[in-house]
Amino acid sequence: MMETKVEVPAPVRELGAIGINNAESALALFFDAVSKLGAPTSAQSLALLERIVAVRMDYARKVARAIERSEATALQFAFCRSQIDITTELIRVVSGSVG
């Protein structure tokens, strides 16, 4: 079976990378501001939310660099698995704070 290449021009990939970096910087500022407010959010749940954002940014960077469809598929699988793990941990944190 022949592998399908993903043909994306370099300038488009570069714009994608710039957008990802800008979004990551904005979210870092947001999380910094939230942590300084002393909002009634547990530090553990805030850390998990930051981890979710970091995993998504990492995934976006890797997908933007993917050249073959099989590589993009493997990245999607790994991303979904990490989201399930993080969500499970977040549910434990939230249910522990409720109970």
Protein backbone atom coordinates (compact mmCIF):
# COMPACT_ATOMS: atom_id res chain seq x y z
CA MET A 1 0.00 0.00 0.00
CA MET A 2 1.37 3.37 -1.01
CA GLU A 3 1.66 6.03 1.70
CA THR A 4 -0.14 9.31 1.05
CA LYS A 5 1.99 12.41 1.56
CA VAL A 6 0.45 15.55 3.00
CA GLU A 7 1.44 18.39 0.69
CA VAL A 8 1.31 21.64 2.66
CA PRO A 9 3.42 24.58 1.50
CA ALA A 10 6.15 25.68 3.91
CA PRO A 11 4.70 29.21 4.36
CA VAL A 12 1.39 27.69 5.47
CA ARG A 13 3.18 25.43 7.97
CA GLU A 14 5.11 28.45 9.27
CA LEU A 15 1.90 30.44 9.73
CA GLY A 16 0.43 27.51 11.60
CA ALA A 17 3.45 27.35 13.89
CA ILE A 18 3.25 31.10 14.56
CA GLY A 19 -0.45 30.82 15.38
CA ILE A 20 0.19 27.93 17.76
CA ASN A 21 2.96 29.85 19.52
CA ASN A 22 0.73 32.94 19.87
CA ALA A 23 -2.14 30.89 21.27
CA GLU A 24 0.19 29.16 23.72
CA SER A 25 1.56 32.52 24.92
CA ALA A 26 -1.94 33.93 25.38
CA LEU A 27 -3.05 30.89 27.35
CA ALA A 28 0.05 31.07 29.54
CA LEU A 29 -0.83 34.67 30.39
CA PHE A 30 -4.41 33.62 31.12
CA PHE A 31 -3.38 30.81 33.48
CA ASP A 32 -0.89 33.11 35.19
CA ALA A 33 -3.63 35.69 35.77
CA VAL A 34 -6.07 33.07 37.07
CA SER A 35 -3.52 31.70 39.52
CA LYS A 36 -2.78 35.21 40.83
CA LEU A 37 -6.48 35.95 41.41
CA GLY A 38 -6.71 33.31 44.07
CA ALA A 39 -9.87 32.01 42.45
CA PRO A 40 -11.67 29.20 44.27
CA THR A 41 -10.09 26.61 41.96
CA SER A 42 -7.85 23.95 43.36
CA ALA A 43 -4.23 24.16 42.33
CA GLN A 44 -4.43 20.54 41.23
CA SER A 45 -7.34 21.10 38.83
CA LEU A 46 -5.68 24.25 37.44
CA ALA A 47 -2.48 22.27 36.84
CA LEU A 48 -4.47 19.62 34.99
CA LEU A 49 -6.12 22.25 32.80
CA GLU A 50 -2.69 23.69 32.01
CA ARG A 51 -1.55 20.17 31.11
CA ILE A 52 -4.52 19.76 28.76
CA VAL A 53 -3.56 22.96 26.98
CA ALA A 54 0.10 21.92 26.78
CA VAL A 55 -0.82 18.53 25.30
CA ARG A 56 -3.07 20.20 22.71
CA MET A 57 -0.39 22.69 21.71
CA ASP A 58 2.17 19.90 21.38
CA TYR A 59 -0.28 17.90 19.26
CA ALA A 60 -0.98 20.90 17.01
CA ARG A 61 2.76 21.45 16.46
CA LYS A 62 3.35 17.81 15.58
CA VAL A 63 0.37 17.63 13.22
CA ALA A 64 1.55 20.81 11.49
CA ARG A 65 4.87 19.06 10.77
CA ALA A 66 3.36 15.70 9.78
CA ILE A 67 4.20 14.62 6.26
CA GLU A 68 2.51 11.24 5.93
CA ARG A 69 -1.05 10.27 6.74
CA SER A 70 0.09 7.36 8.93
CA GLU A 71 2.11 9.80 11.04
CA ALA A 72 -0.92 12.09 11.47
CA THR A 73 -3.08 9.08 12.38
CA ALA A 74 -0.59 7.92 15.02
CA LEU A 75 -0.47 11.44 16.45
CA GLN A 76 -4.27 11.54 16.64
CA PHE A 77 -4.36 8.22 18.47
CA ALA A 78 -1.72 9.34 20.99
CA PHE A 79 -3.53 12.65 21.49
CA CYS A 80 -6.86 10.93 22.18
CA ARG A 81 -5.22 8.56 24.65
CA SER A 82 -3.59 11.45 26.53
CA GLN A 83 -6.90 13.34 26.68
CA ILE A 84 -8.61 10.29 28.19
CA ASP A 85 -5.85 9.96 30.80
CA ILE A 86 -5.99 13.65 31.72
CA THR A 87 -9.80 13.70 31.82
CA THR A 88 -9.84 10.64 34.08
CA GLU A 89 -7.42 12.37 36.43
CA LEU A 90 -9.49 15.58 36.34
CA ILE A 91 -12.63 13.63 37.24
CA ARG A 92 -10.80 12.13 40.22
CA VAL A 93 -9.73 15.60 41.38
CA VAL A 94 -13.19 17.11 41.00
CA SER A 95 -15.00 14.17 42.61
CA GLY A 96 -12.51 14.21 45.48
CA SER A 97 -13.14 17.91 46.12
CA VAL A 98 -16.92 17.41 45.99
CA GLY A 99 -16.98 14.40 48.30
